[in-house]
C-alpha atoms as a PDB file:
ATOM      1  CA  UNK A   1       0.119  -0.284  -0.158  1.00  0.00           C
ATOM      2  CA  UNK A   2       1.420   3.484  -0.710  1.00  0.00           C
ATOM      3  CA  UNK A   3       0.627   7.350  -0.647  1.00  0.00           C
ATOM      4  CA  UNK A   4      -3.174   8.064   0.843  1.00  0.00           C
ATOM      5  CA  UNK A   5      -4.557   4.042   0.584  1.00  0.00           C
ATOM      6  CA  UNK A   6      -1.829   3.059   3.214  1.00  0.00           C
ATOM      7  CA  UNK A   7      -4.173   3.633   5.630  1.00  0.00           C
ATOM      8  CA  UNK A   8      -6.845   2.145   4.656  1.00  0.00           C
ATOM      9  CA  UNK A   9      -7.498  -1.278   6.960  1.00  0.00           C
ATOM     10  CA  UNK A  10      -9.686  -4.042   7.787  1.00  0.00           C
ATOM     11  CA  UNK A  11      -8.090  -6.128  10.231  1.00  0.00           C
ATOM     12  CA  UNK A  12      -4.985  -6.147  12.783  1.00  0.00           C
ATOM     13  CA  UNK A  13      -2.971  -7.258  10.272  1.00  0.00           C
ATOM     14  CA  UNK A  14      -2.769  -3.937   8.527  1.00  0.00           C
ATOM     15  CA  UNK A  15      -2.427  -1.791  11.422  1.00  0.00           C
ATOM     16  CA  UNK A  16       0.315  -0.387  13.058  1.00  0.00           C
ATOM     17  CA  UNK A  17       0.373   3.116  15.023  1.00  0.00           C
ATOM     18  CA  UNK A  18       1.453   5.287  12.191  1.00  0.00           C
ATOM     19  CA  UNK A  19      -1.536   3.439   9.772  1.00  0.00           C
ATOM     20  CA  UNK A  20      -3.513   4.107  12.522  1.00  0.00           C
ATOM     21  CA  UNK A  21      -2.521   7.986  13.189  1.00  0.00           C
ATOM     22  CA  UNK A  22      -2.916   8.658   9.737  1.00  0.00           C
ATOM     23  CA  UNK A  23      -6.938   7.406   9.736  1.00  0.00           C
ATOM     24  CA  UNK A  24      -7.645   9.143  12.462  1.00  0.00           C
ATOM     25  CA  UNK A  25      -6.632  12.804  11.102  1.00  0.00           C
ATOM     26  CA  UNK A  26      -7.745  12.208   7.591  1.00  0.00           C
ATOM     27  CA  UNK A  27     -10.907  10.765   8.873  1.00  0.00           C
ATOM     28  CA  UNK A  28     -11.291  13.746  11.423  1.00  0.00           C
ATOM     29  CA  UNK A  29     -10.833  16.145   8.396  1.00  0.00           C
ATOM     30  CA  UNK A  30     -12.948  14.496   6.142  1.00  0.00           C
ATOM     31  CA  UNK A  31     -16.055  14.432   8.969  1.00  0.00           C
ATOM     32  CA  UNK A  32     -14.876  18.259   9.737  1.00  0.00           C
ATOM     33  CA  UNK A  33     -15.695  19.341   6.060  1.00  0.00           C
ATOM     34  CA  UNK A  34     -19.475  20.835   5.955  1.00  0.00           C
ATOM     35  CA  UNK A  35     -20.002  19.354   2.680  1.00  0.00           C
ATOM     36  CA  UNK A  36     -23.937  18.451   3.070  1.00  0.00           C
ATOM     37  CA  UNK A  37     -23.164  15.356   1.125  1.00  0.00           C
ATOM     38  CA  UNK A  38     -21.866  13.773   4.011  1.00  0.00           C
ATOM     39  CA  UNK A  39     -25.469  13.847   5.444  1.00  0.00           C
ATOM     40  CA  UNK A  40     -26.024  10.407   4.265  1.00  0.00           C
ATOM     41  CA  UNK A  41     -23.369   9.277   6.207  1.00  0.00           C
ATOM     42  CA  UNK A  42     -24.261  11.256   9.185  1.00  0.00           C
ATOM     43  CA  UNK A  43     -27.712   9.561   9.113  1.00  0.00           C
ATOM     44  CA  UNK A  44     -26.575   6.040   8.830  1.00  0.00           C
ATOM     45  CA  UNK A  45     -24.160   6.359  11.593  1.00  0.00           C
ATOM     46  CA  UNK A  46     -27.238   7.687  13.779  1.00  0.00           C
ATOM     47  CA  UNK A  47     -29.660   4.928  12.443  1.00  0.00           C
ATOM     48  CA  UNK A  48     -26.687   2.342  13.450  1.00  0.00           C
ATOM     49  CA  UNK A  49     -26.478   4.112  16.978  1.00  0.00           C
ATOM     50  CA  UNK A  50     -30.198   3.426  17.456  1.00  0.00           C
ATOM     51  CA  UNK A  51     -29.715   0.471  16.627  1.00  0.00           C
ATOM     52  CA  UNK A  52     -26.958  -0.658  18.862  1.00  0.00           C
ATOM     53  CA  UNK A  53     -28.774   0.937  21.710  1.00  0.00           C
ATOM     54  CA  UNK A  54     -32.088  -0.781  21.057  1.00  0.00           C
ATOM     55  CA  UNK A  55     -29.933  -4.364  21.263  1.00  0.00           C
ATOM     56  CA  UNK A  56     -27.673  -3.515  23.875  1.00  0.00           C
ATOM     57  CA  UNK A  57     -29.903  -4.418  27.115  1.00  0.00           C
ATOM     58  CA  UNK A  58     -30.495  -8.025  25.707  1.00  0.00           C
ATOM     59  CA  UNK A  59     -26.800  -8.318  24.962  1.00  0.00           C
ATOM     60  CA  UNK A  60     -26.180  -6.812  27.930  1.00  0.00           C
ATOM     61  CA  UNK A  61     -28.553  -9.214  30.667  1.00  0.00           C
ATOM     62  CA  UNK A  62     -27.382 -12.192  28.081  1.00  0.00           C
ATOM     63  CA  UNK A  63     -23.795 -11.160  29.038  1.00  0.00           C
ATOM     64  CA  UNK A  64     -24.351 -10.532  33.080  1.00  0.00           C
ATOM     65  CA  UNK A  65     -26.481 -13.872  33.386  1.00  0.00           C
ATOM     66  CA  UNK A  66     -23.365 -16.071  31.161  1.00  0.00           C
ATOM     67  CA  UNK A  67     -19.679 -14.535  30.877  1.00  0.00           C
ATOM     68  CA  UNK A  68     -18.933 -14.731  34.917  1.00  0.00           C
ATOM     69  CA  UNK A  69     -19.081 -18.302  34.296  1.00  0.00           C
ATOM     70  CA  UNK A  70     -16.445 -18.015  31.178  1.00  0.00           C
ATOM     71  CA  UNK A  71     -13.347 -20.398  31.960  1.00  0.00           C
ATOM     72  CA  UNK A  72     -11.828 -19.056  28.486  1.00  0.00           C
ATOM     73  CA  UNK A  73     -12.160 -15.566  28.074  1.00  0.00           C
ATOM     74  CA  UNK A  74     -13.287 -14.293  24.800  1.00  0.00           C
ATOM     75  CA  UNK A  75     -13.329 -10.561  25.535  1.00  0.00           C
ATOM     76  CA  UNK A  76      -9.824 -10.209  23.561  1.00  0.00           C
ATOM     77  CA  UNK A  77      -7.606  -7.338  21.839  1.00  0.00           C
ATOM     78  CA  UNK A  78      -8.135  -9.399  18.979  1.00  0.00           C
ATOM     79  CA  UNK A  79     -11.369  -8.397  18.542  1.00  0.00           C
ATOM     80  CA  UNK A  80     -11.248  -4.604  20.610  1.00  0.00           C
ATOM     81  CA  UNK A  81      -9.620  -2.627  17.762  1.00  0.00           C
ATOM     82  CA  UNK A  82     -11.254  -0.002  15.257  1.00  0.00           C
ATOM     83  CA  UNK A  83     -11.105  -1.291  11.493  1.00  0.00           C
ATOM     84  CA  UNK A  84     -11.439   1.706   8.963  1.00  0.00           C
ATOM     85  CA  UNK A  85     -15.347   1.726   8.753  1.00  0.00           C
ATOM     86  CA  UNK A  86     -15.789   1.608  12.756  1.00  0.00           C
ATOM     87  CA  UNK A  87     -13.819   4.703  12.588  1.00  0.00           C
ATOM     88  CA  UNK A  88     -16.142   6.160  10.035  1.00  0.00           C
ATOM     89  CA  UNK A  89     -18.875   5.428  12.177  1.00  0.00           C
ATOM     90  CA  UNK A  90     -17.521   7.490  15.143  1.00  0.00           C
ATOM     91  CA  UNK A  91     -16.227   9.915  13.260  1.00  0.00           C
ATOM     92  CA  UNK A  92     -19.505  10.551  10.974  1.00  0.00           C
ATOM     93  CA  UNK A  93     -21.485  10.344  15.126  1.00  0.00           C
ATOM     94  CA  UNK A  94     -18.452  13.302  15.754  1.00  0.00           C
ATOM     95  CA  UNK A  95     -16.772  10.924  18.118  1.00  0.00           C
ATOM     96  CA  UNK A  96     -13.286   9.898  18.412  1.00  0.00           C
ATOM     97  CA  UNK A  97     -12.401   6.486  19.765  1.00  0.00           C
ATOM     98  CA  UNK A  98     -10.523   6.258  22.685  1.00  0.00           C
ATOM     99  CA  UNK A  99      -7.048   5.271  22.790  1.00  0.00           C
ATOM    100  CA  UNK A 100      -6.352   1.783  21.726  1.00  0.00           C
ATOM    101  CA  UNK A 101      -2.650   0.023  22.255  1.00  0.00           C
ATOM    102  CA  UNK A 102      -2.043  -1.349  19.444  1.00  0.00           C
ATOM    103  CA  UNK A 103       1.172  -3.337  21.004  1.00  0.00           C
ATOM    104  CA  UNK A 104      -0.936  -5.888  22.727  1.00  0.00           C
ATOM    105  CA  UNK A 105      -0.937  -9.721  21.523  1.00  0.00           C
ATOM    106  CA  UNK A 106      -4.356 -10.522  19.879  1.00  0.00           C
ATOM    107  CA  UNK A 107      -4.855 -13.080  22.574  1.00  0.00           C
ATOM    108  CA  UNK A 108      -4.689 -10.610  25.675  1.00  0.00           C
ATOM    109  CA  UNK A 109      -7.595  -9.805  27.214  1.00  0.00           C
ATOM    110  CA  UNK A 110      -8.863  -6.749  25.481  1.00  0.00           C
ATOM    111  CA  UNK A 111      -7.840  -3.335  27.175  1.00  0.00           C
ATOM    112  CA  UNK A 112     -11.323  -2.359  27.956  1.00  0.00           C
ATOM    113  CA  UNK A 113     -12.688  -5.476  29.829  1.00  0.00           C
ATOM    114  CA  UNK A 114     -13.086  -5.162  33.610  1.00  0.00           C
ATOM    115  CA  UNK A 115     -14.233  -6.948  36.010  1.00  0.00           C
ATOM    116  CA  UNK A 116     -17.438  -5.616  35.351  1.00  0.00           C
ATOM    117  CA  UNK A 117     -17.532  -6.298  31.901  1.00  0.00           C
ATOM    118  CA  UNK A 118     -16.980  -3.723  29.276  1.00  0.00           C
ATOM    119  CA  UNK A 119     -16.041  -0.253  30.185  1.00  0.00           C
ATOM    120  CA  UNK A 120     -17.280   1.121  26.795  1.00  0.00           C
ATOM    121  CA  UNK A 121     -20.452   1.375  25.878  1.00  0.00           C
ATOM    122  CA  UNK A 122     -21.818  -0.969  23.402  1.00  0.00           C
ATOM    123  CA  UNK A 123     -22.392   2.035  21.149  1.00  0.00           C
ATOM    124  CA  UNK A 124     -18.684   3.093  20.763  1.00  0.00           C
ATOM    125  CA  UNK A 125     -17.310  -0.696  20.603  1.00  0.00           C
ATOM    126  CA  UNK A 126     -15.092  -2.280  17.881  1.00  0.00           C
ATOM    127  CA  UNK A 127     -17.509  -3.597  15.316  1.00  0.00           C
ATOM    128  CA  UNK A 128     -15.376  -7.536  16.325  1.00  0.00           C
ATOM    129  CA  UNK A 129     -16.657  -6.707  19.851  1.00  0.00           C
ATOM    130  CA  UNK A 130     -20.329  -6.352  18.914  1.00  0.00           C
ATOM    131  CA  UNK A 131     -20.288  -8.966  15.998  1.00  0.00           C
ATOM    132  CA  UNK A 132     -18.251 -11.331  18.092  1.00  0.00           C
ATOM    133  CA  UNK A 133     -20.556 -13.816  20.224  1.00  0.00           C
ATOM    134  CA  UNK A 134     -18.881 -16.848  21.674  1.00  0.00           C
ATOM    135  CA  UNK A 135     -20.865 -20.283  21.654  1.00  0.00           C
ATOM    136  CA  UNK A 136     -21.980 -20.357  25.373  1.00  0.00           C
ATOM    137  CA  UNK A 137     -23.556 -16.696  24.493  1.00  0.00           C
ATOM    138  CA  UNK A 138     -24.855 -17.742  21.428  1.00  0.00           C
ATOM    139  CA  UNK A 139     -26.600 -20.743  23.251  1.00  0.00           C
ATOM    140  CA  UNK A 140     -28.393 -19.130  25.591  1.00  0.00           C
ATOM    141  CA  UNK A 141     -30.104 -16.160  23.307  1.00  0.00           C
ATOM    142  CA  UNK A 142     -31.069 -18.518  20.827  1.00  0.00           C
ATOM    143  CA  UNK A 143     -33.288 -19.842  24.166  1.00  0.00           C
ATOM    144  CA  UNK A 144     -35.006 -16.778  24.231  1.00  0.00           C
ATOM    145  CA  UNK A 145     -38.563 -16.162  23.258  1.00  0.00           C
ATOM    146  CA  UNK A 146     -36.936 -12.792  21.760  1.00  0.00           C
ATOM    147  CA  UNK A 147     -34.260 -14.383  20.241  1.00  0.00           C
ATOM    148  CA  UNK A 148     -36.249 -13.726  16.469  1.00  0.00           C
ATOM    149  CA  UNK A 149     -36.447 -10.299  16.814  1.00  0.00           C
ATOM    150  CA  UNK A 150     -32.828  -9.670  17.773  1.00  0.00           C
ATOM    151  CA  UNK A 151     -31.986 -11.700  15.008  1.00  0.00           C
ATOM    152  CA  UNK A 152     -34.128  -9.532  12.664  1.00  0.00           C
ATOM    153  CA  UNK A 153     -32.581  -6.747  14.538  1.00  0.00           C
ATOM    154  CA  UNK A 154     -28.786  -7.842  13.970  1.00  0.00           C
ATOM    155  CA  UNK A 155     -29.429  -8.364  10.341  1.00  0.00           C
ATOM    156  CA  UNK A 156     -30.862  -4.667   9.722  1.00  0.00           C
ATOM    157  CA  UNK A 157     -28.059  -3.264  11.617  1.00  0.00           C
ATOM    158  CA  UNK A 158     -25.800  -5.174   9.426  1.00  0.00           C
ATOM    159  CA  UNK A 159     -27.660  -3.800   6.648  1.00  0.00           C
ATOM    160  CA  UNK A 160     -27.521  -0.419   7.530  1.00  0.00           C
ATOM    161  CA  UNK A 161     -23.622  -0.718   7.787  1.00  0.00           C
ATOM    162  CA  UNK A 162     -23.159  -1.978   4.862  1.00  0.00           C
ATOM    163  CA  UNK A 163     -24.990   0.976   3.466  1.00  0.00           C
ATOM    164  CA  UNK A 164     -23.193   3.175   5.290  1.00  0.00           C
ATOM    165  CA  UNK A 165     -19.624   1.757   4.395  1.00  0.00           C
ATOM    166  CA  UNK A 166     -21.024   1.999   0.249  1.00  0.00           C
ATOM    167  CA  UNK A 167     -22.173   5.627   1.094  1.00  0.00           C
ATOM    168  CA  UNK A 168     -18.579   6.477   2.242  1.00  0.00           C
ATOM    169  CA  UNK A 169     -16.706   4.943  -0.283  1.00  0.00           C
ATOM    170  CA  UNK A 170     -18.929   7.056  -2.593  1.00  0.00           C
ATOM    171  CA  UNK A 171     -17.364  10.437  -1.195  1.00  0.00           C
ATOM    172  CA  UNK A 172     -13.695   8.929   0.176  1.00  0.00           C
ATOM    173  CA  UNK A 173     -10.584   8.567  -2.035  1.00  0.00           C
ATOM    174  CA  UNK A 174      -9.951   5.820  -0.499  1.00  0.00           C
ATOM    175  CA  UNK A 175     -11.743   2.219  -0.521  1.00  0.00           C
ATOM    176  CA  UNK A 176     -11.610  -0.093   2.360  1.00  0.00           C
ATOM    177  CA  UNK A 177      -9.717  -3.196   0.706  1.00  0.00           C
END
């Protein structure tokens, strides 16, 4: 990768602190623009945030029941970094991501994991965190009477995420590879 494309990344293997800083600066500048055409991206990001807020109580309730009994912590660094599309989402909302320690090993516990679970609100967590459901968690979720509604909400959320990414790619010279 070279030039502007050097800081487009989708997974942790493509990421270093220099690329990450460049992406933050680019997106901050990009979304600081008063360009009215960016309103569609901002609206989709708000819809995603609302969808995450709607499903969060069910996930929180389920993780409170499942995670304290876990013997193999799956909240690991591998899931806790922001990919480029996560950063697009945050900057479209007018937010800046918290500091991410990129030196952590993929299998180390996530830097945001506390005794009481994640220290971040679900709406600002990386997508790798929000979309990861371990088998024990899925087993409990799938037995709930409201699972179909939850699953439909996840599908809607994924569709909004893809629309936001597609909309962003129309305006940005950078297209995730």
